[in-house]
């Protein structure tokens, strides 16, 4: 493609204007083709980076976007961790070598490689809109004009407001000046009091400033999980906050997970020696500082650039266990290398069992101590906020090179397409034997909510059970986890440990769960709130906060160690109904 110098300068100016409109948010589409004379600009925007190429109109659109996708994948792999730290122009100049090499591969559309890409049905570009360059840039110019008019109106309004205040001030002076003179004479008679008053007036602003400064500091430092939730809401784009915070369909179970805890009361014992409180416990033989673990949650880099590495470091600092999600944005190897935290690995079973086997072997090789099998996801739950937001999630790092994770979203979230196209909906109790045959690691089954499934978990040799409804993100109107915990505990009969996740927001919630038979709890959303609000420090503070609240609860309830927490320490709605019949 040859362009003369005059035209080249014009196209260069158009590209600058296009970048300007994209950075200001005047263009919402993350993928677009923009026609300009005999050429077309094709671009992709993802992760705060824009990938743009200019082609002849005759060049196939699908090949152009394949070229951009190749650039994006390599750039994220090589420079993804350094995007936020770039502080100068041409910070990634070395990447030009890859650009030139890749461009040569795409120049001849007749090669077998490019013909194959043109026939690739998994990458459809027909839905990517095409617009004229004047139309696209005109939108930005009109928005700029509106912005300028708004600024002028704001400035003129301020001038009129200032003039109005001056007129009011002059009227007040004319009205009250005689009274002020009389008062001045009176004040002169009390010059000693005036002097003292002046001293107070001198120091008062400093005192008030210190008080307000103190209040600002207190307001900026959350004191409970709900305040971290609000900070996360302020810090994250709506799309990502909804992704972490939302549930399935009507979100009845999401609300009920928390509300069910509030219907349980604590029965304290008094006049006991509470001079020392021991919160430590063991999980599968591993000592942890408190009965709180980090639940598997996906895509931490949507909350903070450090992603799961920050979460793992916080878990290590708090001496507890992190369950890494298969759908993490850092690889299981990267998380294993970052710190010495005890880690479990959460697993979905794919249609291709060889990929699942490789994931399990990698986890075992990298020092993960258990496999947490998610059993409640034969299909992806219908999360309406994600559908409305049309969320596009990043590719799965743990299956990179093993599995295609690029799917057209069909006008909504691409999470459904990804999950339903890759996970094995036929995986059942009979297949647990296969999973046990490929690893020596203990297997915990997550997603148990009934007496019947708890017994089946024992029969297939599960090393533990996690009472979970997937954070209310799968089946809406299923029970809150705390409401069925005791049923599962009774079914298990102490043969394996039982854990709980879902709705834990307070130390009192942890205490209630342990009173009903849980060996420990797992927290997911609170960790994500902390990560979004304050990074690794935020995760650490959330864990410390829950630990501190649990310690106070135990002291006030009369339990000096977690072993002393018993069923007699809580009263449920069912208990109260029985008492009313006596």
Protein backbone atom coordinates (compact mmCIF):
# COMPACT_ATOMS: atom_id res chain seq x y z
CA UNK A 1 0.00 0.00 0.00
CA UNK A 2 1.68 3.25 -1.20
CA UNK A 3 0.53 6.67 0.05
CA UNK A 4 2.02 10.00 -1.15
CA UNK A 5 3.37 12.45 1.44
CA UNK A 6 0.45 14.92 1.25
CA UNK A 7 -2.11 12.15 1.75
CA UNK A 8 0.04 10.54 4.44
CA UNK A 9 -0.09 13.71 6.51
CA UNK A 10 -3.88 13.89 6.13
CA UNK A 11 -4.32 10.28 7.24
CA UNK A 12 -1.93 10.90 10.13
CA UNK A 13 -4.13 13.78 11.30
CA UNK A 14 -7.22 11.58 10.97
CA UNK A 15 -5.60 8.89 13.14
CA UNK A 16 -4.73 11.50 15.79
CA UNK A 17 -8.32 12.75 15.78
CA UNK A 18 -9.60 9.18 16.01
CA UNK A 19 -7.35 8.46 19.03
CA UNK A 20 -8.53 11.71 20.63
CA UNK A 21 -12.21 10.74 20.27
CA UNK A 22 -11.52 7.25 21.63
CA UNK A 23 -9.66 8.58 24.68
CA UNK A 24 -12.51 11.02 25.45
CA UNK A 25 -15.11 8.26 25.21
CA UNK A 26 -16.85 9.85 22.18
CA UNK A 27 -16.73 6.46 20.41
CA UNK A 28 -18.23 3.58 22.42
CA UNK A 29 -17.49 0.69 20.04
CA UNK A 30 -14.44 -1.36 21.10
CA UNK A 31 -14.08 -2.70 17.53
CA UNK A 32 -14.76 -0.71 14.37
CA UNK A 33 -13.79 -0.21 10.73
CA UNK A 34 -13.54 3.44 9.65
CA UNK A 35 -13.51 4.18 5.89
CA UNK A 36 -11.37 7.03 4.58
CA UNK A 37 -11.00 7.46 0.82
CA UNK A 38 -9.55 4.30 -0.76
CA UNK A 39 -8.45 3.01 2.65
CA UNK A 40 -9.96 1.70 5.91
CA UNK A 41 -8.81 2.07 9.50
CA UNK A 42 -9.54 -1.09 11.53
CA UNK A 43 -9.11 -0.92 15.30
CA UNK A 44 -9.56 -2.89 18.54
CA UNK A 45 -9.62 -1.28 22.00
CA UNK A 46 -9.01 -3.56 24.98
CA UNK A 47 -7.34 -3.14 28.36
CA UNK A 48 -6.69 0.61 27.83
CA UNK A 49 -4.70 -0.15 24.66
CA UNK A 50 -5.79 0.64 21.08
CA UNK A 51 -4.52 -1.57 18.21
CA UNK A 52 -5.05 0.12 14.79
CA UNK A 53 -4.10 -0.70 11.22
CA UNK A 54 -4.72 1.03 7.88
CA UNK A 55 -5.52 -1.14 4.85
CA UNK A 56 -6.72 -0.87 1.27
CA UNK A 57 -10.49 -1.20 1.00
CA UNK A 58 -9.96 -4.40 -0.96
CA UNK A 59 -8.04 -6.06 1.88
CA UNK A 60 -10.27 -8.64 3.67
CA UNK A 61 -11.74 -7.27 6.88
CA UNK A 62 -11.45 -10.63 8.62
CA UNK A 63 -7.70 -10.83 7.94
CA UNK A 64 -7.22 -7.28 9.22
CA UNK A 65 -8.85 -8.11 12.53
CA UNK A 66 -6.93 -11.41 12.76
CA UNK A 67 -3.76 -9.32 12.37
CA UNK A 68 -4.87 -6.97 15.17
CA UNK A 69 -5.79 -9.92 17.42
CA UNK A 70 -2.28 -11.39 16.92
CA UNK A 71 -0.73 -8.04 17.88
CA UNK A 72 -3.00 -7.75 20.91
CA UNK A 73 -2.23 -11.27 22.19
CA UNK A 74 1.54 -10.83 21.86
CA UNK A 75 1.51 -7.31 23.35
CA UNK A 76 -0.50 -8.49 26.39
CA UNK A 77 1.87 -11.44 26.82
CA UNK A 78 5.06 -9.37 26.60
CA UNK A 79 4.01 -5.98 27.96
CA UNK A 80 0.71 -6.54 29.79
CA UNK A 81 2.29 -6.09 33.22
CA UNK A 82 3.98 -2.81 32.19
CA UNK A 83 1.08 -0.90 30.62
CA UNK A 84 0.18 0.98 33.81
CA UNK A 85 3.84 1.98 34.39
CA UNK A 86 4.46 3.52 30.94
CA UNK A 87 5.46 7.16 31.54
CA UNK A 88 6.96 8.30 28.24
CA UNK A 89 6.25 8.17 24.47
CA UNK A 90 7.54 5.12 22.58
CA UNK A 91 7.80 3.15 25.83
CA UNK A 92 7.19 -0.07 23.85
CA UNK A 93 9.32 0.72 20.78
CA UNK A 94 10.89 -2.76 20.85
CA UNK A 95 7.48 -4.22 20.02
CA UNK A 96 7.83 -2.78 16.48
CA UNK A 97 9.98 -5.79 15.54
CA UNK A 98 7.04 -8.12 16.14
CA UNK A 99 4.69 -5.71 14.29
CA UNK A 100 6.88 -5.72 11.15
CA UNK A 101 7.36 -9.49 11.24
CA UNK A 102 3.64 -10.14 11.64
CA UNK A 103 2.73 -7.59 8.94
CA UNK A 104 4.77 -9.56 6.39
CA UNK A 105 2.76 -12.69 7.18
CA UNK A 106 -0.49 -10.88 6.37
CA UNK A 107 0.60 -8.91 3.27
CA UNK A 108 -0.22 -11.67 0.77
CA UNK A 109 -3.86 -12.71 1.19
CA UNK A 110 -3.35 -15.70 -1.10
CA UNK A 111 -1.05 -17.72 1.19
CA UNK A 112 -2.48 -20.93 2.63
CA UNK A 113 -2.15 -19.48 6.15
CA UNK A 114 -4.28 -16.44 5.36
CA UNK A 115 -6.83 -18.43 3.34
CA UNK A 116 -7.27 -20.63 6.44
CA UNK A 117 -7.87 -17.56 8.59
CA UNK A 118 -10.43 -16.24 6.09
CA UNK A 119 -12.32 -19.52 6.45
CA UNK A 120 -12.12 -19.46 10.25
CA UNK A 121 -15.78 -19.59 11.38
CA UNK A 122 -14.87 -18.99 15.04
CA UNK A 123 -13.86 -15.41 14.28
CA UNK A 124 -16.78 -13.54 12.71
CA UNK A 125 -16.36 -9.83 11.83
CA UNK A 126 -19.72 -9.12 10.22
CA UNK A 127 -21.05 -7.66 13.47
CA UNK A 128 -18.19 -5.14 13.66
CA UNK A 129 -19.67 -1.85 12.46
CA UNK A 130 -18.22 0.16 9.58
CA UNK A 131 -18.42 3.97 9.59
CA UNK A 132 -17.15 6.84 7.42
CA UNK A 133 -14.24 8.77 8.93
CA UNK A 134 -16.03 12.12 8.69
CA UNK A 135 -19.05 10.66 10.47
CA UNK A 136 -16.88 9.24 13.28
CA UNK A 137 -14.73 12.34 13.73
CA UNK A 138 -17.76 14.61 13.37
CA UNK A 139 -19.31 13.06 16.47
CA UNK A 140 -16.24 14.03 18.46
CA UNK A 141 -16.24 17.58 17.03
CA UNK A 142 -19.91 18.04 17.91
CA UNK A 143 -19.34 16.73 21.41
CA UNK A 144 -16.34 19.09 21.77
CA UNK A 145 -18.53 21.99 20.60
CA UNK A 146 -21.20 21.06 23.13
CA UNK A 147 -18.51 20.86 25.81
CA UNK A 148 -17.15 24.29 24.85
CA UNK A 149 -20.66 25.82 24.87
CA UNK A 150 -21.27 24.25 28.27
CA UNK A 151 -18.01 25.71 29.58
CA UNK A 152 -18.93 29.18 28.27
CA UNK A 153 -22.37 29.01 29.85
CA UNK A 154 -20.84 27.89 33.14
CA UNK A 155 -18.34 30.77 33.04
CA UNK A 156 -21.03 33.34 32.24
CA UNK A 157 -23.25 31.95 34.99
CA UNK A 158 -20.44 32.44 37.48
CA UNK A 159 -19.99 36.06 36.38
CA UNK A 160 -23.71 36.77 36.82
CA UNK A 161 -23.67 35.03 40.21
CA UNK A 162 -20.68 37.13 41.35
CA UNK A 163 -22.42 40.32 40.31
CA UNK A 164 -25.59 39.30 42.14
CA UNK A 165 -23.58 38.61 45.30
CA UNK A 166 -21.91 42.04 45.04
CA UNK A 167 -25.29 43.76 44.78
CA UNK A 168 -26.59 41.83 47.79
CA UNK A 169 -23.48 42.69 49.77
CA UNK A 170 -23.83 46.41 49.02
CA UNK A 171 -27.48 46.35 50.07
CA UNK A 172 -26.58 44.66 53.35
CA UNK A 173 -23.84 47.24 54.07
CA UNK A 174 -26.22 50.14 53.52
CA UNK A 175 -28.81 48.51 55.80
CA UNK A 176 -26.56 47.41 58.66
CA UNK A 177 -23.63 49.87 58.62
CA UNK A 178 -25.17 52.19 61.34
CA UNK A 179 -25.78 49.22 63.62
CA UNK A 180 -22.22 48.00 63.07
CA UNK A 181 -20.82 51.39 64.15
CA UNK A 182 -22.77 51.30 67.42
CA UNK A 183 -21.65 47.74 68.11
CA UNK A 184 -18.05 48.74 67.43
CA UNK A 185 -18.20 51.40 70.14
CA UNK A 186 -19.61 48.86 72.60
CA UNK A 187 -16.87 46.37 71.79
CA UNK A 188 -14.19 49.01 72.46
CA UNK A 189 -15.46 49.29 76.05
CA UNK A 190 -14.63 45.65 76.55
CA UNK A 191 -11.15 45.61 75.04
CA UNK A 192 -9.86 42.85 77.32
CA UNK A 193 -12.61 40.50 76.26
CA UNK A 194 -12.00 41.50 72.67
CA UNK A 195 -8.32 40.61 72.98
CA UNK A 196 -9.11 37.17 74.40
CA UNK A 197 -11.71 36.58 71.73
CA UNK A 198 -9.15 37.44 69.03
CA UNK A 199 -6.74 34.89 70.46
CA UNK A 200 -9.44 32.23 70.35
CA UNK A 201 -10.35 33.26 66.81
CA UNK A 202 -6.69 32.93 65.84
CA UNK A 203 -6.37 29.35 67.05
CA UNK A 204 -9.83 28.10 66.18
CA UNK A 205 -9.20 27.51 62.44
CA UNK A 206 -6.17 25.34 63.25
CA UNK A 207 -8.15 23.25 65.72
CA UNK A 208 -11.00 22.81 63.22
CA UNK A 209 -8.55 21.95 60.46
CA UNK A 210 -7.07 19.16 62.57
CA UNK A 211 -10.51 17.84 63.42
CA UNK A 212 -11.63 17.82 59.78
CA UNK A 213 -8.34 16.22 58.72
CA UNK A 214 -8.86 13.48 61.30
CA UNK A 215 -12.41 12.89 60.04
CA UNK A 216 -11.19 12.62 56.47
CA UNK A 217 -8.63 9.98 57.46
CA UNK A 218 -11.28 8.02 59.36
CA UNK A 219 -13.68 8.22 56.42
CA UNK A 220 -10.97 6.94 54.03
CA UNK A 221 -10.14 3.89 56.17
CA UNK A 222 -13.02 1.37 56.11
CA UNK A 223 -14.06 -0.27 59.36
CA UNK A 224 -16.17 -3.12 57.94
CA UNK A 225 -16.71 -5.14 54.77
CA UNK A 226 -19.71 -3.05 53.67
CA UNK A 227 -17.52 0.07 53.61
CA UNK A 228 -14.98 -1.78 51.46
CA UNK A 229 -17.89 -2.69 49.15
CA UNK A 230 -18.70 1.01 48.70
CA UNK A 231 -15.05 1.88 48.02
CA UNK A 232 -14.92 -0.88 45.41
CA UNK A 233 -18.07 0.49 43.76
CA UNK A 234 -16.42 3.91 43.51
CA UNK A 235 -13.12 2.50 42.22
CA UNK A 236 -14.37 0.11 39.53
CA UNK A 237 -16.11 0.68 36.19
CA UNK A 238 -19.78 -0.28 36.56
CA UNK A 239 -19.32 -3.29 34.28
CA UNK A 240 -16.63 -4.82 36.50
CA UNK A 241 -18.32 -3.91 39.80
CA UNK A 242 -21.52 -5.59 38.58
CA UNK A 243 -19.50 -8.63 37.52
CA UNK A 244 -18.06 -9.13 41.01
CA UNK A 245 -21.07 -7.97 43.02
CA UNK A 246 -23.99 -9.39 41.07
CA UNK A 247 -25.90 -12.66 41.25
CA UNK A 248 -28.21 -14.73 39.08
CA UNK A 249 -31.59 -13.55 37.74
CA UNK A 250 -33.74 -11.93 40.51
CA UNK A 251 -30.81 -12.15 42.96
CA UNK A 252 -33.09 -13.60 45.64
CA UNK A 253 -30.44 -16.07 46.82
CA UNK A 254 -27.81 -13.33 46.72
CA UNK A 255 -29.77 -11.31 49.27
CA UNK A 256 -30.81 -14.38 51.25
CA UNK A 257 -27.18 -15.50 51.72
CA UNK A 258 -26.64 -12.47 53.96
CA UNK A 259 -30.14 -12.17 55.43
CA UNK A 260 -30.18 -15.78 56.66
CA UNK A 261 -27.22 -15.04 58.95
CA UNK A 262 -29.20 -12.20 60.54
CA UNK A 263 -31.98 -14.59 61.58
CA UNK A 264 -29.56 -16.54 63.78
CA UNK A 265 -28.87 -15.19 67.26
CA UNK A 266 -25.88 -15.85 69.51
CA UNK A 267 -26.32 -17.32 73.02
CA UNK A 268 -23.35 -16.01 75.05
CA UNK A 269 -21.79 -17.53 78.17
CA UNK A 270 -20.50 -15.07 80.81
CA UNK A 271 -18.02 -14.90 83.70
CA UNK A 272 -15.42 -17.05 81.92
CA UNK A 273 -11.67 -16.43 81.58
CA UNK A 274 -11.24 -14.62 78.26
CA UNK A 275 -7.72 -13.27 78.83
CA UNK A 276 -6.42 -15.28 75.86
CA UNK A 277 -8.29 -16.06 72.63
CA UNK A 278 -6.94 -18.67 70.17
CA UNK A 279 -8.37 -18.43 66.62
CA UNK A 280 -5.98 -20.91 64.98
CA UNK A 281 -7.22 -24.10 63.36
CA UNK A 282 -6.21 -26.73 60.79
CA UNK A 283 -7.59 -27.53 57.33
CA UNK A 284 -6.59 -30.90 55.85
CA UNK A 285 -3.65 -30.88 58.27
CA UNK A 286 -2.42 -27.37 57.39
CA UNK A 287 -2.24 -24.85 60.23
CA UNK A 288 -3.89 -21.49 59.60
CA UNK A 289 -4.23 -18.44 61.85
CA UNK A 290 -8.03 -18.26 61.68
CA UNK A 291 -10.97 -20.28 60.33
CA UNK A 292 -11.23 -18.04 57.25
CA UNK A 293 -9.95 -18.96 53.78
CA UNK A 294 -10.08 -17.17 50.42
CA UNK A 295 -12.74 -18.62 48.13
CA UNK A 296 -12.06 -19.20 44.42
CA UNK A 297 -13.05 -16.05 42.52
CA UNK A 298 -12.24 -15.36 38.88
CA UNK A 299 -10.40 -12.62 37.01
CA UNK A 300 -8.81 -10.58 39.81
CA UNK A 301 -7.05 -8.29 37.32
CA UNK A 302 -10.42 -6.73 36.53
CA UNK A 303 -10.30 -5.45 40.12
CA UNK A 304 -6.58 -4.59 40.33
CA UNK A 305 -3.64 -4.87 37.89
CA UNK A 306 -1.71 -7.10 40.32
CA UNK A 307 -4.54 -9.64 40.16
CA UNK A 308 -4.31 -12.98 41.97
CA UNK A 309 -0.67 -12.37 42.91
CA UNK A 310 -1.75 -9.56 45.26
CA UNK A 311 -4.44 -11.81 46.73
CA UNK A 312 -2.00 -14.67 47.29
CA UNK A 313 0.50 -12.39 49.02
CA UNK A 314 -2.23 -11.11 51.33
CA UNK A 315 -3.23 -14.71 52.15
CA UNK A 316 0.39 -15.52 52.95
CA UNK A 317 0.73 -12.43 55.18
CA UNK A 318 -2.40 -13.48 57.10
CA UNK A 319 -1.30 -17.14 57.28
CA UNK A 320 -4.37 -18.59 55.63
CA UNK A 321 -5.28 -20.64 52.55
CA UNK A 322 -6.13 -19.27 49.11
CA UNK A 323 -8.18 -21.31 46.64
CA UNK A 324 -7.06 -20.21 43.17
CA UNK A 325 -9.76 -20.19 40.50
CA UNK A 326 -9.11 -21.98 37.22
CA UNK A 327 -10.50 -18.77 35.63
CA UNK A 328 -7.72 -16.63 37.05
CA UNK A 329 -5.98 -13.80 35.19
CA UNK A 330 -2.57 -14.93 36.49
CA UNK A 331 -1.40 -18.46 35.70
CA UNK A 332 -1.27 -21.03 38.47
CA UNK A 333 2.53 -21.07 38.03
CA UNK A 334 2.79 -17.28 38.54
CA UNK A 335 0.72 -17.45 41.72
CA UNK A 336 2.74 -20.40 43.03
CA UNK A 337 6.00 -18.52 42.51
CA UNK A 338 4.96 -15.26 44.17
CA UNK A 339 4.81 -16.37 47.83
CA UNK A 340 4.70 -19.33 50.20
CA UNK A 341 0.95 -19.34 50.94
CA UNK A 342 -0.83 -22.69 51.18
CA UNK A 343 -2.87 -22.93 47.97
CA UNK A 344 -5.69 -25.14 46.71
CA UNK A 345 -6.73 -25.22 43.03
CA UNK A 346 -10.36 -24.91 41.94
CA UNK A 347 -11.31 -27.01 38.93
CA UNK A 348 -14.01 -27.15 36.26
CA UNK A 349 -13.99 -30.30 34.11
CA UNK A 350 -13.72 -29.58 30.39
CA UNK A 351 -15.19 -31.56 27.52
CA UNK A 352 -11.60 -32.34 26.58
CA UNK A 353 -10.49 -34.45 29.54
CA UNK A 354 -6.84 -34.23 28.45
CA UNK A 355 -6.89 -30.46 29.19
CA UNK A 356 -8.40 -31.09 32.64
CA UNK A 357 -5.71 -33.71 33.34
CA UNK A 358 -2.94 -31.29 32.35
CA UNK A 359 -4.36 -28.59 34.66
CA UNK A 360 -4.48 -31.02 37.60
CA UNK A 361 -0.91 -32.20 36.91
CA UNK A 362 0.34 -28.59 36.71
CA UNK A 363 -1.33 -27.78 40.03
CA UNK A 364 0.21 -30.81 41.71
CA UNK A 365 3.65 -30.06 40.21
CA UNK A 366 3.51 -26.44 41.45
CA UNK A 367 2.77 -27.30 45.07
CA UNK A 368 -1.00 -26.88 45.30
CA UNK A 369 -2.25 -28.97 48.23
CA UNK A 370 -5.80 -29.90 47.16
CA UNK A 371 -8.23 -29.87 44.24
CA UNK A 372 -11.55 -28.07 44.78
CA UNK A 373 -14.00 -29.53 42.26
CA UNK A 374 -16.93 -27.21 41.46
CA UNK A 375 -19.99 -29.42 41.08
CA UNK A 376 -22.80 -26.88 40.56
CA UNK A 377 -22.04 -25.63 37.05
CA UNK A 378 -23.17 -27.96 34.24
CA UNK A 379 -24.42 -24.73 32.63
CA UNK A 380 -23.52 -21.10 33.23
CA UNK A 381 -25.91 -19.19 35.51
CA UNK A 382 -27.91 -16.34 33.96
CA UNK A 383 -26.34 -13.16 35.34
CA UNK A 384 -28.45 -10.38 33.92
CA UNK A 385 -26.14 -7.50 34.88
CA UNK A 386 -23.36 -9.06 32.77
CA UNK A 387 -25.78 -9.52 29.88
CA UNK A 388 -26.93 -5.89 30.05
CA UNK A 389 -23.36 -4.60 30.35
CA UNK A 390 -22.26 -6.83 27.43
CA UNK A 391 -19.18 -7.71 29.41
CA UNK A 392 -16.27 -9.15 27.44
CA UNK A 393 -13.92 -11.09 29.69
CA UNK A 394 -10.20 -11.60 29.04
CA UNK A 395 -8.90 -14.92 27.77
CA UNK A 396 -8.22 -17.61 30.37
CA UNK A 397 -4.50 -17.64 31.15
CA UNK A 398 -4.46 -21.18 32.54
CA UNK A 399 -5.67 -22.72 29.28
CA UNK A 400 -3.76 -20.45 26.92
CA UNK A 401 -2.48 -22.57 24.04
CA UNK A 402 -4.70 -25.49 25.10
CA UNK A 403 -8.20 -24.22 24.40
CA UNK A 404 -9.82 -21.59 22.19
CA UNK A 405 -11.50 -19.05 24.48
CA UNK A 406 -12.54 -16.49 21.87
CA UNK A 407 -16.30 -16.50 21.40
CA UNK A 408 -18.71 -14.02 19.82
CA UNK A 409 -20.97 -12.69 22.54
CA UNK A 410 -24.13 -12.54 20.45
CA UNK A 411 -25.11 -9.10 21.74
CA UNK A 412 -24.64 -9.89 25.44
CA UNK A 413 -22.00 -11.29 27.77
CA UNK A 414 -19.52 -13.76 26.29
CA UNK A 415 -19.30 -15.61 29.61
CA UNK A 416 -22.21 -17.89 28.66
CA UNK A 417 -20.63 -18.85 25.33
CA UNK A 418 -17.26 -19.51 26.92
CA UNK A 419 -18.56 -21.66 29.79
CA UNK A 420 -21.18 -23.60 27.85
CA UNK A 421 -18.86 -24.31 24.92
CA UNK A 422 -15.95 -25.65 26.95
CA UNK A 423 -17.19 -27.27 30.20
CA UNK A 424 -18.45 -30.85 30.29
CA UNK A 425 -22.16 -30.91 31.29
CA UNK A 426 -22.11 -34.72 31.41
CA UNK A 427 -19.58 -34.91 34.27
CA UNK A 428 -21.24 -36.80 37.15
CA UNK A 429 -20.62 -38.68 40.41
CA UNK A 430 -19.43 -41.72 38.43
CA UNK A 431 -16.59 -39.62 36.94
CA UNK A 432 -15.04 -38.69 40.30
CA UNK A 433 -13.14 -41.97 40.14
CA UNK A 434 -11.42 -40.82 36.95
CA UNK A 435 -10.40 -37.54 38.62
CA UNK A 436 -9.00 -39.39 41.64
CA UNK A 437 -7.02 -41.66 39.31
CA UNK A 438 -5.01 -38.77 37.82
CA UNK A 439 -3.88 -37.11 41.07
CA UNK A 440 -2.68 -37.89 44.57
CA UNK A 441 -4.14 -34.62 45.89
CA UNK A 442 -7.22 -34.69 48.14
CA UNK A 443 -10.43 -33.60 46.40
CA UNK A 444 -12.94 -31.25 48.01
CA UNK A 445 -16.38 -31.04 46.37
CA UNK A 446 -17.86 -27.53 46.24
CA UNK A 447 -21.55 -26.83 45.69
CA UNK A 448 -23.22 -29.30 48.08
CA UNK A 449 -26.57 -28.08 49.49
CA UNK A 450 -28.46 -31.25 50.45
CA UNK A 451 -28.28 -34.27 52.76
CA UNK A 452 -28.45 -36.60 49.72
CA UNK A 453 -25.50 -35.03 47.88
CA UNK A 454 -23.43 -34.95 51.07
CA UNK A 455 -23.83 -38.74 51.40
CA UNK A 456 -22.88 -39.20 47.70
CA UNK A 457 -19.75 -37.09 48.27
CA UNK A 458 -18.73 -39.46 51.06
CA UNK A 459 -19.41 -42.49 48.87
CA UNK A 460 -17.10 -41.28 46.07
CA UNK A 461 -14.29 -40.53 48.52
CA UNK A 462 -14.35 -36.74 48.82
CA UNK A 463 -11.82 -35.44 51.35
CA UNK A 464 -14.10 -32.57 52.30
CA UNK A 465 -17.30 -30.72 51.40
CA UNK A 466 -17.88 -27.02 50.74
CA UNK A 467 -21.48 -25.98 51.32
CA UNK A 468 -21.88 -23.41 48.57
CA UNK A 469 -24.39 -21.99 46.09
CA UNK A 470 -21.64 -20.42 43.96
CA UNK A 471 -22.11 -17.05 45.62
CA UNK A 472 -25.73 -17.04 44.34
CA UNK A 473 -24.40 -16.75 40.77
CA UNK A 474 -25.82 -20.03 39.44
CA UNK A 475 -29.32 -21.19 40.48
CA UNK A 476 -31.51 -18.42 41.89
CA UNK A 477 -34.01 -19.36 44.63
CA UNK A 478 -31.82 -22.15 45.95
CA UNK A 479 -31.34 -21.98 49.74
CA UNK A 480 -28.89 -19.73 51.56
CA UNK A 481 -25.85 -21.79 52.51
CA UNK A 482 -26.07 -21.11 56.26
CA UNK A 483 -29.67 -22.39 56.25
CA UNK A 484 -28.62 -25.87 55.01
CA UNK A 485 -25.22 -26.16 56.70
CA UNK A 486 -26.51 -28.16 59.66
CA UNK A 487 -28.31 -30.62 57.35
CA UNK A 488 -25.05 -31.37 55.51
CA UNK A 489 -23.05 -31.60 58.76
CA UNK A 490 -25.47 -34.20 60.15
CA UNK A 491 -25.29 -36.23 56.92
CA UNK A 492 -21.50 -36.29 57.02
CA UNK A 493 -21.37 -37.26 60.68
CA UNK A 494 -17.83 -36.02 61.22
CA UNK A 495 -16.28 -38.33 58.61
CA UNK A 496 -14.87 -35.41 56.57
CA UNK A 497 -14.57 -31.66 57.28
CA UNK A 498 -17.39 -29.37 56.14
CA UNK A 499 -16.73 -25.79 55.05
CA UNK A 500 -19.09 -22.98 54.03
CA UNK A 501 -19.05 -20.00 51.70
CA UNK A 502 -21.69 -17.43 50.77
CA UNK A 503 -22.87 -14.35 52.63
CA UNK A 504 -20.06 -14.13 55.22
CA UNK A 505 -19.58 -10.43 55.96
CA UNK A 506 -18.93 -10.29 59.73
CA UNK A 507 -16.99 -12.08 62.45
CA UNK A 508 -20.37 -12.97 63.94
CA UNK A 509 -21.23 -14.78 60.68
CA UNK A 510 -18.07 -16.91 61.01
CA UNK A 511 -18.98 -17.70 64.63
CA UNK A 512 -22.52 -18.74 63.62
CA UNK A 513 -21.23 -21.00 60.83
CA UNK A 514 -18.79 -22.74 63.19
CA UNK A 515 -21.51 -23.16 65.80
CA UNK A 516 -23.57 -25.03 63.20
CA UNK A 517 -20.68 -27.36 62.34
CA UNK A 518 -18.43 -25.67 59.76
CA UNK A 519 -14.70 -26.20 60.31
CA UNK A 520 -13.97 -22.92 58.53
CA UNK A 521 -15.53 -20.47 56.06
CA UNK A 522 -14.42 -19.12 52.69
CA UNK A 523 -14.91 -15.49 51.62
CA UNK A 524 -15.03 -14.32 48.01
CA UNK A 525 -16.70 -10.96 47.40
CA UNK A 526 -15.19 -9.29 50.51
CA UNK A 527 -11.74 -10.16 49.17
CA UNK A 528 -12.60 -8.66 45.78
CA UNK A 529 -13.90 -5.48 47.45
CA UNK A 530 -10.61 -5.12 49.31
CA UNK A 531 -8.56 -5.83 46.18
CA UNK A 532 -10.50 -3.27 44.11
CA UNK A 533 -10.35 -0.59 46.81
CA UNK A 534 -6.78 -0.91 48.07
CA UNK A 535 -4.97 -3.74 46.29
CA UNK A 536 -2.97 -6.25 48.34
CA UNK A 537 -3.31 -4.05 51.44
CA UNK A 538 -7.08 -4.04 51.00
CA UNK A 539 -7.26 -7.85 50.89
CA UNK A 540 -5.08 -8.07 53.98
CA UNK A 541 -7.24 -5.54 55.84
CA UNK A 542 -10.45 -7.43 54.97
CA UNK A 543 -8.98 -10.66 56.37
CA UNK A 544 -7.60 -8.91 59.46
CA UNK A 545 -10.92 -7.16 59.99
CA UNK A 546 -12.86 -10.43 59.94
CA UNK A 547 -10.30 -11.99 62.27
CA UNK A 548 -10.58 -9.09 64.73
CA UNK A 549 -14.38 -9.24 64.65
CA UNK A 550 -14.34 -13.01 65.25
CA UNK A 551 -11.96 -12.59 68.19
CA UNK A 552 -14.27 -10.03 69.83
CA UNK A 553 -17.31 -12.26 69.16
CA UNK A 554 -15.63 -15.28 70.73
CA UNK A 555 -14.60 -13.30 73.83
CA UNK A 556 -18.09 -11.88 74.32
CA UNK A 557 -19.73 -15.26 73.68
CA UNK A 558 -17.44 -17.02 76.16
CA UNK A 559 -15.20 -19.09 73.82
CA UNK A 560 -11.43 -18.87 74.31
CA UNK A 561 -10.67 -21.12 71.29
CA UNK A 562 -12.46 -22.24 68.14
CA UNK A 563 -12.76 -25.75 69.63
CA UNK A 564 -15.06 -24.34 72.31
CA UNK A 565 -17.59 -22.98 69.78
CA UNK A 566 -20.60 -25.32 69.90
CA UNK A 567 -24.18 -25.72 68.74
CA UNK A 568 -25.43 -24.38 72.09
CA UNK A 569 -23.96 -20.96 71.27
CA UNK A 570 -26.57 -20.13 68.60
CA UNK A 571 -30.32 -20.19 68.24
CA UNK A 572 -31.93 -20.56 64.81
CA UNK A 573 -35.47 -19.86 63.65
CA UNK A 574 -36.19 -23.59 63.93
CA UNK A 575 -34.95 -23.61 67.54
CA UNK A 576 -37.26 -20.74 68.43
CA UNK A 577 -40.22 -22.54 66.87
CA UNK A 578 -39.51 -25.63 68.96
CA UNK A 579 -39.20 -23.54 72.13
CA UNK A 580 -42.54 -21.90 71.43
CA UNK A 581 -44.19 -25.34 71.42
CA UNK A 582 -42.85 -26.27 74.86
